[in-house]
C-alpha atoms as a PDB file:
ATOM      1  CA  MET A   1       0.000   0.000   0.000  1.00  0.00           C
ATOM      2  CA  ASP A   2       1.397   3.373  -0.887  1.00  0.00           C
ATOM      3  CA  ALA A   3       1.845   6.041   1.788  1.00  0.00           C
ATOM      4  CA  GLU A   4      -0.889   8.324   0.422  1.00  0.00           C
ATOM      5  CA  ALA A   5      -3.478   5.537   0.533  1.00  0.00           C
ATOM      6  CA  GLN A   6      -2.384   4.639   4.066  1.00  0.00           C
ATOM      7  CA  THR A   7      -2.767   8.273   5.158  1.00  0.00           C
ATOM      8  CA  TYR A   8      -6.261   8.397   3.602  1.00  0.00           C
ATOM      9  CA  ILE A   9      -7.299   5.214   5.405  1.00  0.00           C
ATOM     10  CA  GLU A  10      -5.918   6.404   8.737  1.00  0.00           C
ATOM     11  CA  GLY A  11      -8.000   9.583   8.373  1.00  0.00           C
ATOM     12  CA  ILE A  12     -11.350   7.840   7.793  1.00  0.00           C
ATOM     13  CA  PRO A  13     -13.907   9.020  10.366  1.00  0.00           C
ATOM     14  CA  PRO A  14     -14.659   6.412  13.049  1.00  0.00           C
ATOM     15  CA  GLU A  15     -18.319   6.087  12.020  1.00  0.00           C
ATOM     16  CA  HIS A  16     -17.298   4.870   8.547  1.00  0.00           C
ATOM     17  CA  ARG A  17     -14.122   2.974   9.346  1.00  0.00           C
ATOM     18  CA  PRO A  18     -15.812  -0.403  10.074  1.00  0.00           C
ATOM     19  CA  LEU A  19     -17.550  -0.376   6.679  1.00  0.00           C
ATOM     20  CA  PHE A  20     -14.378   0.649   4.853  1.00  0.00           C
ATOM     21  CA  ASP A  21     -12.416  -2.040   6.717  1.00  0.00           C
ATOM     22  CA  ARG A  22     -15.031  -4.620   5.724  1.00  0.00           C
ATOM     23  CA  VAL A  23     -14.743  -3.746   2.019  1.00  0.00           C
ATOM     24  CA  HIS A  24     -10.935  -3.560   2.270  1.00  0.00           C
ATOM     25  CA  ARG A  25     -10.792  -6.983   3.937  1.00  0.00           C
ATOM     26  CA  LEU A  26     -13.049  -8.574   1.328  1.00  0.00           C
ATOM     27  CA  ILE A  27     -10.961  -7.163  -1.517  1.00  0.00           C
ATOM     28  CA  LEU A  28      -7.659  -8.321  -0.048  1.00  0.00           C
ATOM     29  CA  ARG A  29      -9.065 -11.722   0.891  1.00  0.00           C
ATOM     30  CA  ALA A  30     -10.062 -12.290  -2.743  1.00  0.00           C
ATOM     31  CA  PHE A  31      -6.979 -10.593  -4.209  1.00  0.00           C
ATOM     32  CA  PRO A  32      -4.039 -10.604  -1.786  1.00  0.00           C
ATOM     33  CA  GLU A  33      -1.832  -9.511  -4.665  1.00  0.00           C
ATOM     34  CA  ALA A  34      -3.818  -6.281  -5.157  1.00  0.00           C
ATOM     35  CA  THR A  35      -1.869  -3.068  -4.889  1.00  0.00           C
ATOM     36  CA  VAL A  36      -3.484  -0.138  -3.103  1.00  0.00           C
ATOM     37  CA  GLU A  37      -2.692   3.378  -4.189  1.00  0.00           C
ATOM     38  CA  LEU A  38      -4.394   6.745  -4.132  1.00  0.00           C
ATOM     39  CA  SER A  39      -6.109   7.566  -7.434  1.00  0.00           C
ATOM     40  CA  TYR A  40      -8.802  10.180  -8.000  1.00  0.00           C
ATOM     41  CA  GLY A  41      -8.260  11.109  -4.348  1.00  0.00           C
ATOM     42  CA  MET A  42      -9.334   7.721  -2.964  1.00  0.00           C
ATOM     43  CA  PRO A  43      -7.859   4.275  -2.322  1.00  0.00           C
ATOM     44  CA  THR A  44      -7.739   2.299  -5.541  1.00  0.00           C
ATOM     45  CA  TYR A  45      -7.223  -1.452  -5.648  1.00  0.00           C
ATOM     46  CA  ARG A  46      -5.378  -2.640  -8.728  1.00  0.00           C
ATOM     47  CA  VAL A  47      -5.068  -6.187 -10.039  1.00  0.00           C
ATOM     48  CA  GLY A  48      -3.343  -6.182 -13.412  1.00  0.00           C
ATOM     49  CA  ALA A  49      -5.150  -3.644 -15.585  1.00  0.00           C
ATOM     50  CA  ARG A  50      -8.337  -3.730 -13.474  1.00  0.00           C
ATOM     51  CA  ARG A  51      -9.097  -1.120 -10.820  1.00  0.00           C
ATOM     52  CA  LEU A  52     -11.721  -0.661  -8.127  1.00  0.00           C
ATOM     53  CA  HIS A  53     -11.946   2.739  -6.420  1.00  0.00           C
ATOM     54  CA  VAL A  54     -13.265   2.895  -2.840  1.00  0.00           C
ATOM     55  CA  GLY A  55     -14.088   6.343  -1.472  1.00  0.00           C
ATOM     56  CA  VAL A  56     -15.391   7.359   1.938  1.00  0.00           C
ATOM     57  CA  TRP A  57     -17.905  10.187   2.011  1.00  0.00           C
ATOM     58  CA  ARG A  58     -20.490  11.604   4.425  1.00  0.00           C
ATOM     59  CA  HIS A  59     -22.927   8.737   3.798  1.00  0.00           C
ATOM     60  CA  GLY A  60     -20.404   5.895   4.042  1.00  0.00           C
ATOM     61  CA  VAL A  61     -18.468   4.139   1.262  1.00  0.00           C
ATOM     62  CA  SER A  62     -18.836   4.418  -2.507  1.00  0.00           C
ATOM     63  CA  LEU A  63     -17.421   2.045  -5.113  1.00  0.00           C
ATOM     64  CA  TYR A  64     -16.393   3.089  -8.618  1.00  0.00           C
ATOM     65  CA  GLY A  65     -15.105   0.981 -11.498  1.00  0.00           C
ATOM     66  CA  TRP A  66     -17.197  -2.072 -10.569  1.00  0.00           C
ATOM     67  CA  ASP A  67     -18.269  -4.741 -13.043  1.00  0.00           C
ATOM     68  CA  ALA A  68     -21.626  -3.841 -14.599  1.00  0.00           C
ATOM     69  CA  ASP A  69     -22.923  -7.432 -14.796  1.00  0.00           C
ATOM     70  CA  ALA A  70     -22.115  -8.195 -11.165  1.00  0.00           C
ATOM     71  CA  GLY A  71     -23.456  -4.787 -10.235  1.00  0.00           C
ATOM     72  CA  ALA A  72     -26.731  -5.517 -12.024  1.00  0.00           C
ATOM     73  CA  ASP A  73     -27.121  -8.689  -9.975  1.00  0.00           C
ATOM     74  CA  LEU A  74     -26.412  -6.839  -6.741  1.00  0.00           C
ATOM     75  CA  LEU A  75     -28.675  -3.936  -7.733  1.00  0.00           C
ATOM     76  CA  SER A  76     -31.552  -6.287  -8.489  1.00  0.00           C
ATOM     77  CA  ARG A  77     -31.553  -7.139  -4.780  1.00  0.00           C
ATOM     78  CA  HIS A  78     -30.510  -3.700  -3.479  1.00  0.00           C
ATOM     79  CA  PRO A  79     -31.674  -1.064  -6.000  1.00  0.00           C
ATOM     80  CA  GLY A  80     -31.078   1.769  -3.545  1.00  0.00           C
ATOM     81  CA  LEU A  81     -27.305   1.304  -3.808  1.00  0.00           C
ATOM     82  CA  LEU A  82     -27.056   2.916  -7.234  1.00  0.00           C
ATOM     83  CA  SER A  83     -26.234   6.601  -7.193  1.00  0.00           C
ATOM     84  CA  GLY A  84     -25.868   8.211 -10.578  1.00  0.00           C
ATOM     85  CA  LYS A  85     -24.700   6.136 -13.510  1.00  0.00           C
ATOM     86  CA  ALA A  86     -21.648   4.373 -12.076  1.00  0.00           C
ATOM     87  CA  THR A  87     -21.566   4.767  -8.307  1.00  0.00           C
ATOM     88  CA  LEU A  88     -22.501   2.121  -5.761  1.00  0.00           C
ATOM     89  CA  ARG A  89     -23.229   3.905  -2.516  1.00  0.00           C
ATOM     90  CA  LEU A  90     -23.073   1.836   0.671  1.00  0.00           C
ATOM     91  CA  ARG A  91     -24.517   3.851   3.523  1.00  0.00           C
ATOM     92  CA  SER A  92     -22.899   2.942   6.810  1.00  0.00           C
ATOM     93  CA  GLY A  93     -26.249   2.502   8.542  1.00  0.00           C
ATOM     94  CA  GLU A  94     -27.679   0.222   5.835  1.00  0.00           C
ATOM     95  CA  ALA A  95     -24.628  -1.777   4.715  1.00  0.00           C
ATOM     96  CA  ALA A  96     -25.486  -4.710   6.969  1.00  0.00           C
ATOM     97  CA  ASP A  97     -28.288  -5.538   4.502  1.00  0.00           C
ATOM     98  CA  VAL A  98     -25.629  -6.344   1.884  1.00  0.00           C
ATOM     99  CA  THR A  99     -23.896  -9.644   2.612  1.00  0.00           C
ATOM    100  CA  ASP A 100     -20.185 -10.335   2.389  1.00  0.00           C
ATOM    101  CA  ASP A 101     -20.978 -12.878  -0.322  1.00  0.00           C
ATOM    102  CA  GLU A 102     -22.725 -10.204  -2.400  1.00  0.00           C
ATOM    103  CA  LEU A 103     -19.837  -7.785  -2.003  1.00  0.00           C
ATOM    104  CA  SER A 104     -17.283 -10.521  -2.692  1.00  0.00           C
ATOM    105  CA  ALA A 105     -19.039 -11.431  -5.948  1.00  0.00           C
ATOM    106  CA  LEU A 106     -18.899  -7.790  -7.030  1.00  0.00           C
ATOM    107  CA  VAL A 107     -15.230  -7.497  -6.075  1.00  0.00           C
ATOM    108  CA  GLY A 108     -14.368 -10.763  -7.807  1.00  0.00           C
ATOM    109  CA  ALA A 109     -16.056  -9.745 -11.037  1.00  0.00           C
ATOM    110  CA  SER A 110     -14.625  -6.239 -10.907  1.00  0.00           C
ATOM    111  CA  LEU A 111     -10.992  -7.120 -10.241  1.00  0.00           C
ATOM    112  CA  GLY A 112     -10.794 -10.649 -11.573  1.00  0.00           C
ATOM    113  CA  GLY A 113     -13.173 -10.678 -14.482  1.00  0.00           C
ATOM    114  CA  GLY A 114     -15.411 -13.358 -12.963  1.00  0.00           C
ATOM    115  CA  ALA A 115     -17.381 -14.190  -9.835  1.00  0.00           C
ATOM    116  CA  GLY A 116     -15.301 -13.966  -6.679  1.00  0.00           C
END
């Protein structure tokens, strides 16, 4: 992990840190080889040419660069997660409704090109 990404993560507000840590853990469990660097002002997980951006905002955590097919599956069960055209917004207070398996499938498809 580069120093800028580490600094970003260390500065995450306590109310959103558990959700960020959950997403971070799921990504690194599926892709221990992933590099983490700051891109577009947020931690970005890179596996080969694939990237998944994970930003922390007032509401919680947003994901950018996710696989559209896996996202469609997730959004069919949780339509309220979509914000705009390409943002998945996980609100800290509601994220428990999304299972680790659902998030892992999204991560796997987004960074590995198939279900995770």
